[in-house]
All heavy atoms as atom14 arrays in JSON, in Angstrom:
{
  "sequence": "REFRAAVEATRGPADAPKELSLADQLAQARAARAARTAGSGA",
  "atom14_mask": [
    [1, 1, 1, 1, 1, 1, 1, 1, 1, 1, 1, 0, 0, 0],
    [1, 1, 1, 1, 1, 1, 1, 1, 1, 0, 0, 0, 0, 0],
    [1, 1, 1, 1, 1, 1, 1, 1, 1, 1, 1, 0, 0, 0],
    [1, 1, 1, 1, 1, 1, 1, 1, 1, 1, 1, 0, 0, 0],
    [1, 1, 1, 1, 1, 0, 0, 0, 0, 0, 0, 0, 0, 0],
    [1, 1, 1, 1, 1, 0, 0, 0, 0, 0, 0, 0, 0, 0],
    [1, 1, 1, 1, 1, 1, 1, 0, 0, 0, 0, 0, 0, 0],
    [1, 1, 1, 1, 1, 1, 1, 1, 1, 0, 0, 0, 0, 0],
    [1, 1, 1, 1, 1, 0, 0, 0, 0, 0, 0, 0, 0, 0],
    [1, 1, 1, 1, 1, 1, 1, 0, 0, 0, 0, 0, 0, 0],
    [1, 1, 1, 1, 1, 1, 1, 1, 1, 1, 1, 0, 0, 0],
    [1, 1, 1, 1, 0, 0, 0, 0, 0, 0, 0, 0, 0, 0],
    [1, 1, 1, 1, 1, 1, 1, 0, 0, 0, 0, 0, 0, 0],
    [1, 1, 1, 1, 1, 0, 0, 0, 0, 0, 0, 0, 0, 0],
    [1, 1, 1, 1, 1, 1, 1, 1, 0, 0, 0, 0, 0, 0],
    [1, 1, 1, 1, 1, 0, 0, 0, 0, 0, 0, 0, 0, 0],
    [1, 1, 1, 1, 1, 1, 1, 0, 0, 0, 0, 0, 0, 0],
    [1, 1, 1, 1, 1, 1, 1, 1, 1, 0, 0, 0, 0, 0],
    [1, 1, 1, 1, 1, 1, 1, 1, 1, 0, 0, 0, 0, 0],
    [1, 1, 1, 1, 1, 1, 1, 1, 0, 0, 0, 0, 0, 0],
    [1, 1, 1, 1, 1, 1, 0, 0, 0, 0, 0, 0, 0, 0],
    [1, 1, 1, 1, 1, 1, 1, 1, 0, 0, 0, 0, 0, 0],
    [1, 1, 1, 1, 1, 0, 0, 0, 0, 0, 0, 0, 0, 0],
    [1, 1, 1, 1, 1, 1, 1, 1, 0, 0, 0, 0, 0, 0],
    [1, 1, 1, 1, 1, 1, 1, 1, 1, 0, 0, 0, 0, 0],
    [1, 1, 1, 1, 1, 1, 1, 1, 0, 0, 0, 0, 0, 0],
    [1, 1, 1, 1, 1, 0, 0, 0, 0, 0, 0, 0, 0, 0],
    [1, 1, 1, 1, 1, 1, 1, 1, 1, 0, 0, 0, 0, 0],
    [1, 1, 1, 1, 1, 0, 0, 0, 0, 0, 0, 0, 0, 0],
    [1, 1, 1, 1, 1, 1, 1, 1, 1, 1, 1, 0, 0, 0],
    [1, 1, 1, 1, 1, 0, 0, 0, 0, 0, 0, 0, 0, 0],
    [1, 1, 1, 1, 1, 0, 0, 0, 0, 0, 0, 0, 0, 0],
    [1, 1, 1, 1, 1, 1, 1, 1, 1, 1, 1, 0, 0, 0],
    [1, 1, 1, 1, 1, 0, 0, 0, 0, 0, 0, 0, 0, 0],
    [1, 1, 1, 1, 1, 0, 0, 0, 0, 0, 0, 0, 0, 0],
    [1, 1, 1, 1, 1, 1, 1, 1, 1, 1, 1, 0, 0, 0],
    [1, 1, 1, 1, 1, 1, 1, 0, 0, 0, 0, 0, 0, 0],
    [1, 1, 1, 1, 1, 0, 0, 0, 0, 0, 0, 0, 0, 0],
    [1, 1, 1, 1, 0, 0, 0, 0, 0, 0, 0, 0, 0, 0],
    [1, 1, 1, 1, 1, 1, 0, 0, 0, 0, 0, 0, 0, 0],
    [1, 1, 1, 1, 0, 0, 0, 0, 0, 0, 0, 0, 0, 0],
    [1, 1, 1, 1, 1, 0, 0, 0, 0, 0, 0, 0, 0, 0]
  ],
  "atom14_positions": [
    [[26.46, -6.36, 28.78], [25.67, -6.82, 27.63], [24.23, -7.12, 28.05], [23.29, -6.73, 27.36], [26.31, -8.07, 27.02], [27.5, -7.77, 26.14], [27.92, -8.98, 25.34], [28.43, -10.06, 26.18], [29.7, -10.19, 26.53], [30.58, -9.32, 26.11], [30.08, -11.19, 27.27], [0.0, 0.0, 0.0], [0.0, 0.0, 0.0], [0.0, 0.0, 0.0]],
    [[24.07, -7.8, 29.18], [22.73, -8.09, 29.68], [21.99, -6.81, 30.04], [20.81, -6.66, 29.76], [22.8, -9.01, 30.9], [23.25, -10.4, 30.59], [22.28, -11.13, 29.68], [21.06, -10.95, 29.83], [22.75, -11.88, 28.81], [0.0, 0.0, 0.0], [0.0, 0.0, 0.0], [0.0, 0.0, 0.0], [0.0, 0.0, 0.0], [0.0, 0.0, 0.0]],
    [[22.72, -5.88, 30.63], [22.12, -4.6, 31.02], [21.62, -3.86, 29.78], [20.5, -3.37, 29.75], [23.16, -3.78, 31.78], [22.65, -2.47, 32.29], [21.75, -2.42, 33.33], [23.07, -1.28, 31.72], [21.28, -1.21, 33.81], [22.6, -0.07, 32.18], [21.7, -0.05, 33.23], [0.0, 0.0, 0.0], [0.0, 0.0, 0.0], [0.0, 0.0, 0.0]],
    [[22.45, -3.82, 28.74], [22.07, -3.13, 27.51], [20.85, -3.79, 26.87], [19.92, -3.11, 26.43], [23.24, -3.13, 26.53], [22.95, -2.33, 25.28], [24.1, -2.3, 24.27], [25.4, -2.26, 24.86], [26.32, -3.22, 24.68], [26.07, -4.26, 23.93], [27.5, -3.12, 25.24], [0.0, 0.0, 0.0], [0.0, 0.0, 0.0], [0.0, 0.0, 0.0]],
    [[20.84, -5.12, 26.84], [19.7, -5.83, 26.25], [18.42, -5.56, 27.03], [17.35, -5.36, 26.44], [19.99, -7.33, 26.2], [0.0, 0.0, 0.0], [0.0, 0.0, 0.0], [0.0, 0.0, 0.0], [0.0, 0.0, 0.0], [0.0, 0.0, 0.0], [0.0, 0.0, 0.0], [0.0, 0.0, 0.0], [0.0, 0.0, 0.0], [0.0, 0.0, 0.0]],
    [[18.52, -5.52, 28.36], [17.33, -5.27, 29.18], [16.83, -3.84, 28.99], [15.63, -3.6, 28.92], [17.64, -5.55, 30.64], [0.0, 0.0, 0.0], [0.0, 0.0, 0.0], [0.0, 0.0, 0.0], [0.0, 0.0, 0.0], [0.0, 0.0, 0.0], [0.0, 0.0, 0.0], [0.0, 0.0, 0.0], [0.0, 0.0, 0.0], [0.0, 0.0, 0.0]],
    [[17.76, -2.89, 28.92], [17.36, -1.5, 28.72], [16.7, -1.33, 27.36], [15.65, -0.68, 27.25], [18.58, -0.55, 28.87], [18.26, 0.84, 28.39], [19.03, -0.52, 30.32], [0.0, 0.0, 0.0], [0.0, 0.0, 0.0], [0.0, 0.0, 0.0], [0.0, 0.0, 0.0], [0.0, 0.0, 0.0], [0.0, 0.0, 0.0], [0.0, 0.0, 0.0]],
    [[17.25, -1.94, 26.33], [16.65, -1.85, 25.0], [15.28, -2.52, 24.98], [14.36, -2.05, 24.3], [17.57, -2.49, 23.97], [18.8, -1.65, 23.69], [19.81, -2.36, 22.8], [19.57, -3.53, 22.43], [20.84, -1.75, 22.49], [0.0, 0.0, 0.0], [0.0, 0.0, 0.0], [0.0, 0.0, 0.0], [0.0, 0.0, 0.0], [0.0, 0.0, 0.0]],
    [[15.11, -3.6, 25.74], [13.81, -4.28, 25.78], [12.76, -3.41, 26.48], [11.6, -3.42, 26.08], [13.94, -5.62, 26.48], [0.0, 0.0, 0.0], [0.0, 0.0, 0.0], [0.0, 0.0, 0.0], [0.0, 0.0, 0.0], [0.0, 0.0, 0.0], [0.0, 0.0, 0.0], [0.0, 0.0, 0.0], [0.0, 0.0, 0.0], [0.0, 0.0, 0.0]],
    [[13.15, -2.65, 27.5], [12.19, -1.8, 28.19], [11.83, -0.58, 27.36], [10.7, -0.1, 27.42], [12.72, -1.33, 29.56], [13.96, -0.66, 29.38], [12.87, -2.48, 30.5], [0.0, 0.0, 0.0], [0.0, 0.0, 0.0], [0.0, 0.0, 0.0], [0.0, 0.0, 0.0], [0.0, 0.0, 0.0], [0.0, 0.0, 0.0], [0.0, 0.0, 0.0]],
    [[12.75, -0.08, 26.59], [12.49, 1.11, 25.77], [11.71, 0.77, 24.51], [11.15, 1.65, 23.88], [13.8, 1.78, 25.38], [14.48, 2.44, 26.53], [15.71, 3.17, 26.08], [16.36, 3.8, 27.21], [17.6, 4.16, 27.23], [18.37, 3.97, 26.19], [18.12, 4.72, 28.3], [0.0, 0.0, 0.0], [0.0, 0.0, 0.0], [0.0, 0.0, 0.0]],
    [[11.71, -0.46, 24.12], [11.01, -0.86, 22.91], [11.96, -0.82, 21.72], [13.11, -0.4, 21.84], [0.0, 0.0, 0.0], [0.0, 0.0, 0.0], [0.0, 0.0, 0.0], [0.0, 0.0, 0.0], [0.0, 0.0, 0.0], [0.0, 0.0, 0.0], [0.0, 0.0, 0.0], [0.0, 0.0, 0.0], [0.0, 0.0, 0.0], [0.0, 0.0, 0.0]],
    [[11.47, -1.28, 20.58], [12.36, -1.32, 19.41], [12.73, 0.09, 18.96], [11.89, 0.97, 18.85], [11.53, -2.04, 18.34], [10.12, -1.85, 18.78], [10.14, -1.75, 20.29], [0.0, 0.0, 0.0], [0.0, 0.0, 0.0], [0.0, 0.0, 0.0], [0.0, 0.0, 0.0], [0.0, 0.0, 0.0], [0.0, 0.0, 0.0], [0.0, 0.0, 0.0]],
    [[13.98, 0.3, 18.75], [14.46, 1.6, 18.27], [14.46, 1.6, 16.75], [14.81, 0.61, 16.11], [15.86, 1.86, 18.79], [0.0, 0.0, 0.0], [0.0, 0.0, 0.0], [0.0, 0.0, 0.0], [0.0, 0.0, 0.0], [0.0, 0.0, 0.0], [0.0, 0.0, 0.0], [0.0, 0.0, 0.0], [0.0, 0.0, 0.0], [0.0, 0.0, 0.0]],
    [[14.05, 2.7, 16.18], [14.06, 2.82, 14.73], [15.5, 3.0, 14.27], [16.24, 3.83, 14.79], [13.23, 4.02, 14.26], [11.75, 3.83, 14.58], [11.33, 2.66, 14.65], [11.05, 4.84, 14.75], [0.0, 0.0, 0.0], [0.0, 0.0, 0.0], [0.0, 0.0, 0.0], [0.0, 0.0, 0.0], [0.0, 0.0, 0.0], [0.0, 0.0, 0.0]],
    [[15.88, 2.21, 13.31], [17.23, 2.3, 12.77], [17.36, 3.6, 11.99], [16.42, 4.01, 11.3], [17.53, 1.12, 11.87], [0.0, 0.0, 0.0], [0.0, 0.0, 0.0], [0.0, 0.0, 0.0], [0.0, 0.0, 0.0], [0.0, 0.0, 0.0], [0.0, 0.0, 0.0], [0.0, 0.0, 0.0], [0.0, 0.0, 0.0], [0.0, 0.0, 0.0]],
    [[18.49, 4.28, 12.1], [18.65, 5.52, 11.33], [18.64, 5.21, 9.83], [19.18, 4.21, 9.39], [20.01, 6.06, 11.77], [20.72, 4.88, 12.34], [19.67, 3.96, 12.88], [0.0, 0.0, 0.0], [0.0, 0.0, 0.0], [0.0, 0.0, 0.0], [0.0, 0.0, 0.0], [0.0, 0.0, 0.0], [0.0, 0.0, 0.0], [0.0, 0.0, 0.0]],
    [[17.98, 6.09, 9.09], [17.87, 5.9, 7.64], [19.25, 6.14, 7.02], [19.89, 7.15, 7.26], [16.86, 6.87, 7.05], [16.69, 6.71, 5.57], [15.75, 7.74, 5.01], [15.73, 7.65, 3.51], [15.01, 8.75, 2.92], [0.0, 0.0, 0.0], [0.0, 0.0, 0.0], [0.0, 0.0, 0.0], [0.0, 0.0, 0.0], [0.0, 0.0, 0.0]],
    [[19.67, 5.18, 6.23], [20.95, 5.32, 5.55], [20.7, 6.01, 4.21], [19.77, 5.67, 3.49], [21.59, 3.97, 5.33], [22.01, 3.31, 6.63], [22.79, 2.03, 6.39], [23.37, 1.88, 5.3], [22.81, 1.21, 7.3], [0.0, 0.0, 0.0], [0.0, 0.0, 0.0], [0.0, 0.0, 0.0], [0.0, 0.0, 0.0], [0.0, 0.0, 0.0]],
    [[21.54, 6.95, 3.93], [21.41, 7.7, 2.68], [22.02, 6.91, 1.54], [23.08, 6.29, 1.69], [22.1, 9.05, 2.79], [21.53, 10.03, 3.81], [22.38, 11.28, 3.87], [20.1, 10.39, 3.45], [0.0, 0.0, 0.0], [0.0, 0.0, 0.0], [0.0, 0.0, 0.0], [0.0, 0.0, 0.0], [0.0, 0.0, 0.0], [0.0, 0.0, 0.0]],
    [[21.37, 6.96, 0.4], [21.93, 6.32, -0.77], [23.07, 7.2, -1.3], [23.22, 8.36, -0.91], [20.86, 6.14, -1.85], [20.46, 7.4, -2.33], [0.0, 0.0, 0.0], [0.0, 0.0, 0.0], [0.0, 0.0, 0.0], [0.0, 0.0, 0.0], [0.0, 0.0, 0.0], [0.0, 0.0, 0.0], [0.0, 0.0, 0.0], [0.0, 0.0, 0.0]],
    [[23.84, 6.67, -2.2], [24.94, 7.42, -2.78], [24.43, 8.65, -3.52], [25.01, 9.73, -3.44], [25.75, 6.54, -3.72], [26.99, 7.15, -4.33], [27.93, 7.65, -3.24], [27.69, 6.17, -5.22], [0.0, 0.0, 0.0], [0.0, 0.0, 0.0], [0.0, 0.0, 0.0], [0.0, 0.0, 0.0], [0.0, 0.0, 0.0], [0.0, 0.0, 0.0]],
    [[23.29, 8.51, -4.19], [22.7, 9.64, -4.92], [22.31, 10.75, -3.94], [22.53, 11.94, -4.21], [21.49, 9.19, -5.73], [0.0, 0.0, 0.0], [0.0, 0.0, 0.0], [0.0, 0.0, 0.0], [0.0, 0.0, 0.0], [0.0, 0.0, 0.0], [0.0, 0.0, 0.0], [0.0, 0.0, 0.0], [0.0, 0.0, 0.0], [0.0, 0.0, 0.0]],
    [[21.72, 10.36, -2.78], [21.35, 11.36, -1.77], [22.58, 12.06, -1.2], [22.59, 13.26, -0.97], [20.55, 10.7, -0.64], [19.19, 10.2, -1.1], [18.68, 10.72, -2.12], [18.65, 9.3, -0.44], [0.0, 0.0, 0.0], [0.0, 0.0, 0.0], [0.0, 0.0, 0.0], [0.0, 0.0, 0.0], [0.0, 0.0, 0.0], [0.0, 0.0, 0.0]],
    [[23.64, 11.28, -0.96], [24.88, 11.87, -0.43], [25.48, 12.86, -1.44], [25.95, 13.93, -1.05], [25.9, 10.77, -0.11], [25.49, 9.89, 1.05], [26.46, 8.73, 1.25], [27.54, 8.69, 0.67], [26.06, 7.78, 2.08], [0.0, 0.0, 0.0], [0.0, 0.0, 0.0], [0.0, 0.0, 0.0], [0.0, 0.0, 0.0], [0.0, 0.0, 0.0]],
    [[25.48, 12.51, -2.71], [26.01, 13.41, -3.74], [25.15, 14.67, -3.84], [25.69, 15.78, -3.99], [26.05, 12.71, -5.1], [27.13, 11.64, -5.26], [26.94, 10.88, -6.56], [28.5, 12.29, -5.21], [0.0, 0.0, 0.0], [0.0, 0.0, 0.0], [0.0, 0.0, 0.0], [0.0, 0.0, 0.0], [0.0, 0.0, 0.0], [0.0, 0.0, 0.0]],
    [[23.84, 14.53, -3.73], [22.96, 15.7, -3.79], [23.22, 16.62, -2.6], [23.26, 17.86, -2.76], [21.49, 15.25, -3.8], [0.0, 0.0, 0.0], [0.0, 0.0, 0.0], [0.0, 0.0, 0.0], [0.0, 0.0, 0.0], [0.0, 0.0, 0.0], [0.0, 0.0, 0.0], [0.0, 0.0, 0.0], [0.0, 0.0, 0.0], [0.0, 0.0, 0.0]],
    [[23.44, 16.05, -1.41], [23.76, 16.88, -0.24], [25.09, 17.6, -0.43], [25.22, 18.77, -0.08], [23.82, 16.01, 1.03], [22.47, 15.63, 1.57], [22.6, 14.83, 2.87], [23.68, 14.4, 3.23], [21.47, 14.63, 3.54], [0.0, 0.0, 0.0], [0.0, 0.0, 0.0], [0.0, 0.0, 0.0], [0.0, 0.0, 0.0], [0.0, 0.0, 0.0]],
    [[26.08, 16.89, -0.97], [27.39, 17.51, -1.18], [27.3, 18.64, -2.19], [27.9, 19.71, -2.01], [28.4, 16.45, -1.66], [0.0, 0.0, 0.0], [0.0, 0.0, 0.0], [0.0, 0.0, 0.0], [0.0, 0.0, 0.0], [0.0, 0.0, 0.0], [0.0, 0.0, 0.0], [0.0, 0.0, 0.0], [0.0, 0.0, 0.0], [0.0, 0.0, 0.0]],
    [[26.52, 18.45, -3.26], [26.34, 19.51, -4.26], [25.63, 20.72, -3.66], [26.01, 21.86, -3.92], [25.55, 18.99, -5.45], [26.34, 18.05, -6.33], [25.55, 17.63, -7.55], [26.29, 16.63, -8.29], [25.84, 15.42, -8.57], [24.64, 15.05, -8.2], [26.59, 14.58, -9.25], [0.0, 0.0, 0.0], [0.0, 0.0, 0.0], [0.0, 0.0, 0.0]],
    [[24.61, 20.46, -2.84], [23.87, 21.56, -2.21], [24.78, 22.32, -1.25], [24.77, 23.56, -1.21], [22.65, 21.02, -1.47], [0.0, 0.0, 0.0], [0.0, 0.0, 0.0], [0.0, 0.0, 0.0], [0.0, 0.0, 0.0], [0.0, 0.0, 0.0], [0.0, 0.0, 0.0], [0.0, 0.0, 0.0], [0.0, 0.0, 0.0], [0.0, 0.0, 0.0]],
    [[25.61, 21.61, -0.49], [26.53, 22.27, 0.44], [27.56, 23.1, -0.33], [27.9, 24.22, 0.06], [27.23, 21.23, 1.32], [0.0, 0.0, 0.0], [0.0, 0.0, 0.0], [0.0, 0.0, 0.0], [0.0, 0.0, 0.0], [0.0, 0.0, 0.0], [0.0, 0.0, 0.0], [0.0, 0.0, 0.0], [0.0, 0.0, 0.0], [0.0, 0.0, 0.0]],
    [[28.06, 22.55, -1.46], [29.03, 23.28, -2.27], [28.39, 24.53, -2.86], [29.0, 25.6, -2.87], [29.56, 22.37, -3.38], [30.76, 22.96, -4.1], [31.36, 22.04, -5.17], [31.37, 20.64, -4.82], [30.71, 19.68, -5.5], [30.02, 19.98, -6.57], [30.78, 18.43, -5.11], [0.0, 0.0, 0.0], [0.0, 0.0, 0.0], [0.0, 0.0, 0.0]],
    [[27.16, 24.41, -3.32], [26.46, 25.56, -3.89], [26.23, 26.62, -2.82], [26.36, 27.82, -3.09], [25.13, 25.12, -4.5], [0.0, 0.0, 0.0], [0.0, 0.0, 0.0], [0.0, 0.0, 0.0], [0.0, 0.0, 0.0], [0.0, 0.0, 0.0], [0.0, 0.0, 0.0], [0.0, 0.0, 0.0], [0.0, 0.0, 0.0], [0.0, 0.0, 0.0]],
    [[25.9, 26.2, -1.59], [25.68, 27.15, -0.51], [26.98, 27.87, -0.15], [27.0, 29.08, 0.12], [25.11, 26.44, 0.7], [0.0, 0.0, 0.0], [0.0, 0.0, 0.0], [0.0, 0.0, 0.0], [0.0, 0.0, 0.0], [0.0, 0.0, 0.0], [0.0, 0.0, 0.0], [0.0, 0.0, 0.0], [0.0, 0.0, 0.0], [0.0, 0.0, 0.0]],
    [[28.1, 27.12, -0.16], [29.4, 27.74, 0.15], [29.76, 28.75, -0.95], [30.27, 29.83, -0.68], [30.49, 26.67, 0.26], [30.49, 25.95, 1.57], [31.79, 25.15, 1.74], [32.11, 24.31, 0.61], [31.75, 23.02, 0.48], [31.02, 22.46, 1.4], [32.1, 22.32, -0.57], [0.0, 0.0, 0.0], [0.0, 0.0, 0.0], [0.0, 0.0, 0.0]],
    [[29.52, 28.37, -2.19], [29.83, 29.25, -3.3], [28.99, 30.5, -3.25], [29.48, 31.62, -3.42], [29.61, 28.53, -4.65], [30.37, 27.33, -4.66], [30.01, 29.4, -5.81], [0.0, 0.0, 0.0], [0.0, 0.0, 0.0], [0.0, 0.0, 0.0], [0.0, 0.0, 0.0], [0.0, 0.0, 0.0], [0.0, 0.0, 0.0], [0.0, 0.0, 0.0]],
    [[27.71, 30.36, -2.95], [26.81, 31.5, -2.87], [27.16, 32.39, -1.68], [27.08, 33.61, -1.75], [25.36, 31.04, -2.76], [0.0, 0.0, 0.0], [0.0, 0.0, 0.0], [0.0, 0.0, 0.0], [0.0, 0.0, 0.0], [0.0, 0.0, 0.0], [0.0, 0.0, 0.0], [0.0, 0.0, 0.0], [0.0, 0.0, 0.0], [0.0, 0.0, 0.0]],
    [[27.61, 31.78, -0.6], [27.96, 32.56, 0.6], [29.28, 33.28, 0.47], [29.51, 34.3, 1.14], [0.0, 0.0, 0.0], [0.0, 0.0, 0.0], [0.0, 0.0, 0.0], [0.0, 0.0, 0.0], [0.0, 0.0, 0.0], [0.0, 0.0, 0.0], [0.0, 0.0, 0.0], [0.0, 0.0, 0.0], [0.0, 0.0, 0.0], [0.0, 0.0, 0.0]],
    [[30.18, 32.84, -0.37], [31.48, 33.48, -0.48], [31.46, 34.68, -1.44], [32.46, 35.36, -1.59], [32.54, 32.46, -0.94], [32.24, 32.04, -2.26], [0.0, 0.0, 0.0], [0.0, 0.0, 0.0], [0.0, 0.0, 0.0], [0.0, 0.0, 0.0], [0.0, 0.0, 0.0], [0.0, 0.0, 0.0], [0.0, 0.0, 0.0], [0.0, 0.0, 0.0]],
    [[30.36, 34.91, -2.14], [30.26, 36.05, -3.02], [30.72, 35.77, -4.43], [30.77, 36.67, -5.25], [0.0, 0.0, 0.0], [0.0, 0.0, 0.0], [0.0, 0.0, 0.0], [0.0, 0.0, 0.0], [0.0, 0.0, 0.0], [0.0, 0.0, 0.0], [0.0, 0.0, 0.0], [0.0, 0.0, 0.0], [0.0, 0.0, 0.0], [0.0, 0.0, 0.0]],
    [[31.07, 34.55, -4.74], [31.5, 34.22, -6.1], [30.28, 34.15, -7.01], [29.19, 33.81, -6.58], [32.23, 32.89, -6.11], [0.0, 0.0, 0.0], [0.0, 0.0, 0.0], [0.0, 0.0, 0.0], [0.0, 0.0, 0.0], [0.0, 0.0, 0.0], [0.0, 0.0, 0.0], [0.0, 0.0, 0.0], [0.0, 0.0, 0.0], [0.0, 0.0, 0.0]]
  ]
}
């Protein structure tokens, strides 16, 4: 734990990964579904 804290302190503050909202997740799922549909020839 001390080692991890020291390493994080030397590297500086890490940017937290951006969390997607539910609307963004749904938009990604729709885009992926549309890409699969377009790729299958339907």
